[in-house]
Amino acid sequence: MDEQTRVFINRRVLEITDDILREKLIEQSPQLQKDVVLMADMIREFVSLERQKRGLDSLNIELYPIENKRLLSDPDFIGETRFYNRIFQATARHSFDFEGRKILRFNAFPKS
């Protein structure tokens, strides 16, 4: 068998193998899709459980306006939240950015 014939046969075998694999994947596709969905759900569940264990859930803070500010340095809003199993005091002030746009500056620090 000459070199060209051997190369042709090897290439043809690879093409046939590729076609067979493609057909098998198409046949298995619905099951593979179900398995991928199941694994993705399991990963989401693990991540959710780990976030709960570590206290890394989303940060929700209710800030209440301060009606009678005594000092200009007093915050405009104040509130508390729990983050990473610790209680934090949260404050916010009306301010301006470097371009002069009105913004709300937010700070959170561990409550003592």
N, C-alpha and C. Protein backbone atom coordinates (compact mmCIF):
# COMPACT_ATOMS: atom_id res chain seq x y z
N MET A 1 0.85 -1.17 0.00
CA MET A 1 0.00 0.00 0.00
C MET A 1 0.90 1.23 0.00
N ASP A 2 0.62 2.12 -0.96
CA ASP A 2 1.45 3.32 -1.03
C ASP A 2 1.00 4.38 -0.01
N GLU A 3 1.79 5.41 0.17
CA GLU A 3 1.55 6.45 1.19
C GLU A 3 0.23 7.19 0.96
N GLN A 4 -0.09 7.53 -0.28
CA GLN A 4 -1.34 8.25 -0.59
C GLN A 4 -2.55 7.42 -0.21
N THR A 5 -2.54 6.14 -0.52
CA THR A 5 -3.64 5.25 -0.19
C THR A 5 -3.80 5.15 1.32
N ARG A 6 -2.71 5.01 2.04
CA ARG A 6 -2.77 4.93 3.50
C ARG A 6 -3.34 6.22 4.10
N VAL A 7 -2.89 7.36 3.61
CA VAL A 7 -3.40 8.64 4.10
C VAL A 7 -4.89 8.76 3.80
N PHE A 8 -5.29 8.35 2.59
CA PHE A 8 -6.71 8.41 2.23
C PHE A 8 -7.55 7.53 3.15
N ILE A 9 -7.10 6.32 3.39
CA ILE A 9 -7.85 5.39 4.25
C ILE A 9 -7.94 5.94 5.67
N ASN A 10 -6.84 6.44 6.20
CA ASN A 10 -6.85 7.02 7.55
C ASN A 10 -7.82 8.20 7.63
N ARG A 11 -7.78 9.06 6.63
CA ARG A 11 -8.67 10.22 6.61
C ARG A 11 -10.12 9.77 6.53
N ARG A 12 -10.41 8.78 5.72
CA ARG A 12 -11.78 8.27 5.56
C ARG A 12 -12.27 7.63 6.86
N VAL A 13 -11.41 6.89 7.54
CA VAL A 13 -11.78 6.28 8.82
C VAL A 13 -12.12 7.37 9.82
N LEU A 14 -11.32 8.41 9.85
CA LEU A 14 -11.60 9.53 10.76
C LEU A 14 -12.93 10.21 10.43
N GLU A 15 -13.21 10.38 9.14
CA GLU A 15 -14.48 10.99 8.73
C GLU A 15 -15.66 10.12 9.15
N ILE A 16 -15.55 8.82 8.95
CA ILE A 16 -16.62 7.89 9.33
C ILE A 16 -16.80 7.92 10.86
N THR A 17 -15.69 7.88 11.58
CA THR A 17 -15.76 7.93 13.04
C THR A 17 -16.41 9.23 13.49
N ASP A 18 -16.04 10.32 12.85
CA ASP A 18 -16.63 11.62 13.17
C ASP A 18 -18.14 11.61 12.91
N ASP A 19 -18.56 11.04 11.78
CA ASP A 19 -19.99 10.94 11.46
C ASP A 19 -20.72 10.10 12.49
N ILE A 20 -20.12 8.98 12.88
CA ILE A 20 -20.76 8.11 13.88
C ILE A 20 -20.90 8.84 15.21
N LEU A 21 -19.84 9.52 15.64
CA LEU A 21 -19.91 10.28 16.88
C LEU A 21 -20.97 11.38 16.82
N ARG A 22 -21.04 12.06 15.69
CA ARG A 22 -22.05 13.12 15.52
C ARG A 22 -23.45 12.54 15.64
N GLU A 23 -23.70 11.38 15.00
CA GLU A 23 -25.01 10.74 15.09
C GLU A 23 -25.33 10.34 16.53
N LYS A 24 -24.33 9.78 17.24
CA LYS A 24 -24.54 9.37 18.63
C LYS A 24 -24.86 10.59 19.50
N LEU A 25 -24.17 11.70 19.26
CA LEU A 25 -24.45 12.92 20.04
C LEU A 25 -25.86 13.44 19.78
N ILE A 26 -26.28 13.38 18.52
CA ILE A 26 -27.63 13.82 18.19
C ILE A 26 -28.65 12.92 18.87
N GLU A 27 -28.39 11.60 18.88
CA GLU A 27 -29.30 10.66 19.55
C GLU A 27 -29.34 10.93 21.05
N GLN A 28 -28.20 11.25 21.64
CA GLN A 28 -28.09 11.46 23.08
C GLN A 28 -28.43 12.89 23.50
N SER A 29 -28.61 13.76 22.55
CA SER A 29 -28.79 15.19 22.83
C SER A 29 -29.89 15.49 23.85
N PRO A 30 -31.10 14.93 23.72
CA PRO A 30 -32.12 15.24 24.73
C PRO A 30 -31.69 14.85 26.14
N GLN A 31 -31.06 13.68 26.28
CA GLN A 31 -30.60 13.26 27.60
C GLN A 31 -29.47 14.14 28.09
N LEU A 32 -28.55 14.51 27.18
CA LEU A 32 -27.46 15.41 27.57
C LEU A 32 -28.00 16.75 28.04
N GLN A 33 -29.00 17.27 27.33
CA GLN A 33 -29.59 18.55 27.73
C GLN A 33 -30.23 18.45 29.10
N LYS A 34 -30.92 17.34 29.36
CA LYS A 34 -31.53 17.14 30.68
C LYS A 34 -30.46 17.07 31.76
N ASP A 35 -29.36 16.36 31.47
CA ASP A 35 -28.27 16.24 32.44
C ASP A 35 -27.62 17.60 32.71
N VAL A 36 -27.43 18.39 31.67
CA VAL A 36 -26.83 19.72 31.84
C VAL A 36 -27.74 20.60 32.69
N VAL A 37 -29.04 20.57 32.43
CA VAL A 37 -29.99 21.35 33.22
C VAL A 37 -29.96 20.90 34.67
N LEU A 38 -29.93 19.60 34.89
CA LEU A 38 -29.88 19.06 36.25
C LEU A 38 -28.60 19.50 36.97
N MET A 39 -27.46 19.40 36.28
CA MET A 39 -26.19 19.81 36.90
C MET A 39 -26.17 21.31 37.18
N ALA A 40 -26.71 22.11 36.26
CA ALA A 40 -26.76 23.55 36.49
C ALA A 40 -27.63 23.88 37.70
N ASP A 41 -28.75 23.20 37.85
CA ASP A 41 -29.61 23.40 39.02
C ASP A 41 -28.88 23.02 40.31
N MET A 42 -28.14 21.90 40.26
CA MET A 42 -27.40 21.47 41.44
C MET A 42 -26.32 22.48 41.81
N ILE A 43 -25.63 23.02 40.82
CA ILE A 43 -24.59 24.02 41.09
C ILE A 43 -25.21 25.27 41.69
N ARG A 44 -26.34 25.72 41.14
CA ARG A 44 -27.03 26.89 41.70
C ARG A 44 -27.42 26.64 43.15
N GLU A 45 -27.91 25.44 43.45
CA GLU A 45 -28.32 25.09 44.81
C GLU A 45 -27.11 25.10 45.75
N PHE A 46 -25.97 24.52 45.29
CA PHE A 46 -24.76 24.54 46.12
C PHE A 46 -24.29 25.96 46.39
N VAL A 47 -24.29 26.78 45.35
CA VAL A 47 -23.87 28.18 45.52
C VAL A 47 -24.80 28.90 46.48
N SER A 48 -26.09 28.69 46.34
CA SER A 48 -27.06 29.32 47.23
C SER A 48 -26.84 28.90 48.68
N LEU A 49 -26.64 27.61 48.91
CA LEU A 49 -26.39 27.11 50.27
C LEU A 49 -25.09 27.69 50.84
N GLU A 50 -24.06 27.75 50.01
CA GLU A 50 -22.79 28.30 50.47
C GLU A 50 -22.91 29.79 50.79
N ARG A 51 -23.64 30.53 49.98
CA ARG A 51 -23.85 31.95 50.25
C ARG A 51 -24.61 32.13 51.56
N GLN A 52 -25.60 31.28 51.82
CA GLN A 52 -26.35 31.37 53.07
C GLN A 52 -25.45 31.05 54.26
N LYS A 53 -24.63 29.99 54.13
CA LYS A 53 -23.73 29.62 55.23
C LYS A 53 -22.76 30.75 55.56
N ARG A 54 -22.27 31.42 54.53
CA ARG A 54 -21.28 32.48 54.73
C ARG A 54 -21.91 33.85 54.97
N GLY A 55 -23.22 33.93 54.85
CA GLY A 55 -23.88 35.21 55.05
C GLY A 55 -23.67 36.17 53.91
N LEU A 56 -23.56 35.64 52.70
CA LEU A 56 -23.28 36.49 51.54
C LEU A 56 -24.50 36.75 50.67
N ASP A 57 -25.68 36.67 51.27
CA ASP A 57 -26.88 36.94 50.49
C ASP A 57 -26.88 38.40 50.04
N SER A 58 -27.80 38.73 49.17
CA SER A 58 -27.84 40.09 48.66
C SER A 58 -28.00 41.08 49.80
N LEU A 59 -27.49 42.25 49.59
CA LEU A 59 -27.48 43.28 50.61
C LEU A 59 -28.72 44.15 50.44
N ASN A 60 -29.63 44.05 51.39
CA ASN A 60 -30.85 44.87 51.38
C ASN A 60 -30.80 45.79 52.59
N ILE A 61 -30.93 47.08 52.32
CA ILE A 61 -30.85 48.06 53.39
C ILE A 61 -32.02 49.03 53.26
N GLU A 62 -32.69 49.25 54.35
CA GLU A 62 -33.73 50.28 54.39
C GLU A 62 -33.13 51.49 55.10
N LEU A 63 -33.03 52.57 54.38
CA LEU A 63 -32.48 53.81 54.93
C LEU A 63 -33.63 54.77 55.22
N TYR A 64 -33.59 55.40 56.37
CA TYR A 64 -34.64 56.32 56.79
C TYR A 64 -34.08 57.73 56.83
N PRO A 65 -34.82 58.69 56.31
CA PRO A 65 -34.32 60.08 56.32
C PRO A 65 -34.26 60.62 57.75
N ILE A 66 -33.24 61.41 58.01
CA ILE A 66 -33.10 62.08 59.30
C ILE A 66 -33.78 63.44 59.16
N GLU A 67 -34.80 63.64 59.95
CA GLU A 67 -35.62 64.86 59.85
C GLU A 67 -34.87 66.10 60.36
N ASN A 68 -34.34 66.02 61.56
CA ASN A 68 -33.72 67.19 62.19
C ASN A 68 -32.22 66.98 62.33
N LYS A 69 -31.50 67.26 61.26
CA LYS A 69 -30.05 67.14 61.31
C LYS A 69 -29.50 68.27 62.18
N ARG A 70 -28.60 67.93 63.08
CA ARG A 70 -28.00 68.94 63.96
C ARG A 70 -26.79 69.58 63.30
N LEU A 71 -25.97 68.74 62.65
CA LEU A 71 -24.75 69.24 62.02
C LEU A 71 -24.79 68.97 60.52
N LEU A 72 -24.08 69.78 59.79
CA LEU A 72 -24.00 69.59 58.34
C LEU A 72 -23.34 68.25 58.01
N SER A 73 -22.48 67.76 58.89
CA SER A 73 -21.78 66.49 58.66
C SER A 73 -22.66 65.27 58.97
N ASP A 74 -23.80 65.48 59.60
CA ASP A 74 -24.71 64.36 59.88
C ASP A 74 -25.24 63.78 58.57
N PRO A 75 -25.45 62.46 58.52
CA PRO A 75 -25.97 61.86 57.28
C PRO A 75 -27.42 62.27 57.04
N ASP A 76 -27.83 62.18 55.77
CA ASP A 76 -29.22 62.48 55.40
C ASP A 76 -30.12 61.27 55.64
N PHE A 77 -29.53 60.07 55.57
CA PHE A 77 -30.28 58.83 55.76
C PHE A 77 -29.48 57.91 56.68
N ILE A 78 -30.18 57.05 57.41
CA ILE A 78 -29.51 56.11 58.31
C ILE A 78 -30.31 54.80 58.35
N GLY A 79 -29.61 53.69 58.57
CA GLY A 79 -30.28 52.40 58.66
C GLY A 79 -29.30 51.33 59.11
N GLU A 80 -29.78 50.09 59.18
CA GLU A 80 -28.96 48.95 59.57
C GLU A 80 -29.22 47.79 58.62
N THR A 81 -28.23 46.91 58.54
CA THR A 81 -28.38 45.70 57.74
C THR A 81 -27.50 44.60 58.32
N ARG A 82 -27.77 43.39 57.94
CA ARG A 82 -26.95 42.24 58.34
C ARG A 82 -26.24 41.76 57.09
N PHE A 83 -24.92 41.62 57.22
CA PHE A 83 -24.12 41.17 56.10
C PHE A 83 -23.00 40.30 56.66
N TYR A 84 -22.82 39.12 56.11
CA TYR A 84 -21.78 38.19 56.55
C TYR A 84 -21.91 37.93 58.05
N ASN A 85 -23.16 37.75 58.47
CA ASN A 85 -23.52 37.45 59.85
C ASN A 85 -23.09 38.52 60.85
N ARG A 86 -22.94 39.74 60.37
CA ARG A 86 -22.62 40.87 61.25
C ARG A 86 -23.62 41.99 60.98
N ILE A 87 -23.85 42.79 62.00
CA ILE A 87 -24.76 43.93 61.85
C ILE A 87 -23.93 45.16 61.46
N PHE A 88 -24.41 45.85 60.43
CA PHE A 88 -23.72 47.04 59.94
C PHE A 88 -24.65 48.25 60.05
N GLN A 89 -24.08 49.38 60.40
CA GLN A 89 -24.79 50.66 60.37
C GLN A 89 -24.56 51.23 58.98
N ALA A 90 -25.60 51.74 58.38
CA ALA A 90 -25.50 52.29 57.03
C ALA A 90 -25.94 53.74 57.05
N THR A 91 -25.21 54.56 56.32
CA THR A 91 -25.56 55.98 56.20
C THR A 91 -25.48 56.39 54.74
N ALA A 92 -26.19 57.45 54.41
CA ALA A 92 -26.13 58.00 53.06
C ALA A 92 -26.26 59.51 53.15
N ARG A 93 -25.56 60.20 52.25
CA ARG A 93 -25.58 61.66 52.21
C ARG A 93 -25.79 62.11 50.78
N HIS A 94 -26.53 63.18 50.63
CA HIS A 94 -26.62 63.83 49.31
C HIS A 94 -25.29 64.51 49.06
N SER A 95 -24.80 64.39 47.84
CA SER A 95 -23.51 64.97 47.51
C SER A 95 -23.46 65.27 46.02
N PHE A 96 -22.30 65.65 45.54
CA PHE A 96 -22.09 65.92 44.12
C PHE A 96 -20.83 65.20 43.67
N ASP A 97 -20.85 64.67 42.44
CA ASP A 97 -19.65 64.02 41.91
C ASP A 97 -18.73 65.08 41.33
N PHE A 98 -17.61 64.66 40.75
CA PHE A 98 -16.61 65.60 40.25
C PHE A 98 -17.11 66.41 39.05
N GLU A 99 -18.20 65.98 38.42
CA GLU A 99 -18.77 66.74 37.30
C GLU A 99 -19.95 67.59 37.74
N GLY A 100 -20.22 67.61 39.05
CA GLY A 100 -21.29 68.45 39.58
C GLY A 100 -22.67 67.80 39.55
N ARG A 101 -22.75 66.51 39.23
CA ARG A 101 -24.04 65.82 39.24
C ARG A 101 -24.41 65.42 40.66
N LYS A 102 -25.68 65.51 40.98
CA LYS A 102 -26.14 65.15 42.31
C LYS A 102 -26.12 63.63 42.47
N ILE A 103 -25.52 63.17 43.58
CA ILE A 103 -25.39 61.74 43.84
C ILE A 103 -25.75 61.46 45.30
N LEU A 104 -25.84 60.18 45.63
CA LEU A 104 -26.07 59.75 47.01
C LEU A 104 -24.85 58.91 47.41
N ARG A 105 -24.10 59.38 48.40
CA ARG A 105 -22.92 58.66 48.89
C ARG A 105 -23.36 57.73 50.01
N PHE A 106 -22.98 56.48 49.90
CA PHE A 106 -23.40 55.44 50.83
C PHE A 106 -22.19 54.91 51.59
N ASN A 107 -22.33 54.69 52.90
CA ASN A 107 -21.28 54.09 53.72
C ASN A 107 -21.93 53.03 54.61
N ALA A 108 -21.18 51.96 54.86
CA ALA A 108 -21.64 50.94 55.82
C ALA A 108 -20.42 50.55 56.64
N PHE A 109 -20.62 50.43 57.94
CA PHE A 109 -19.53 50.06 58.83
C PHE A 109 -20.08 49.21 59.96
N PRO A 110 -19.24 48.31 60.49
CA PRO A 110 -19.73 47.41 61.54
C PRO A 110 -20.28 48.19 62.74
N LYS A 111 -21.41 47.73 63.22
CA LYS A 111 -22.01 48.38 64.38
C LYS A 111 -21.29 47.89 65.64
N SER A 112 -20.92 48.82 66.48
CA SER A 112 -20.20 48.43 67.69
C SER A 112 -21.14 48.17 68.85
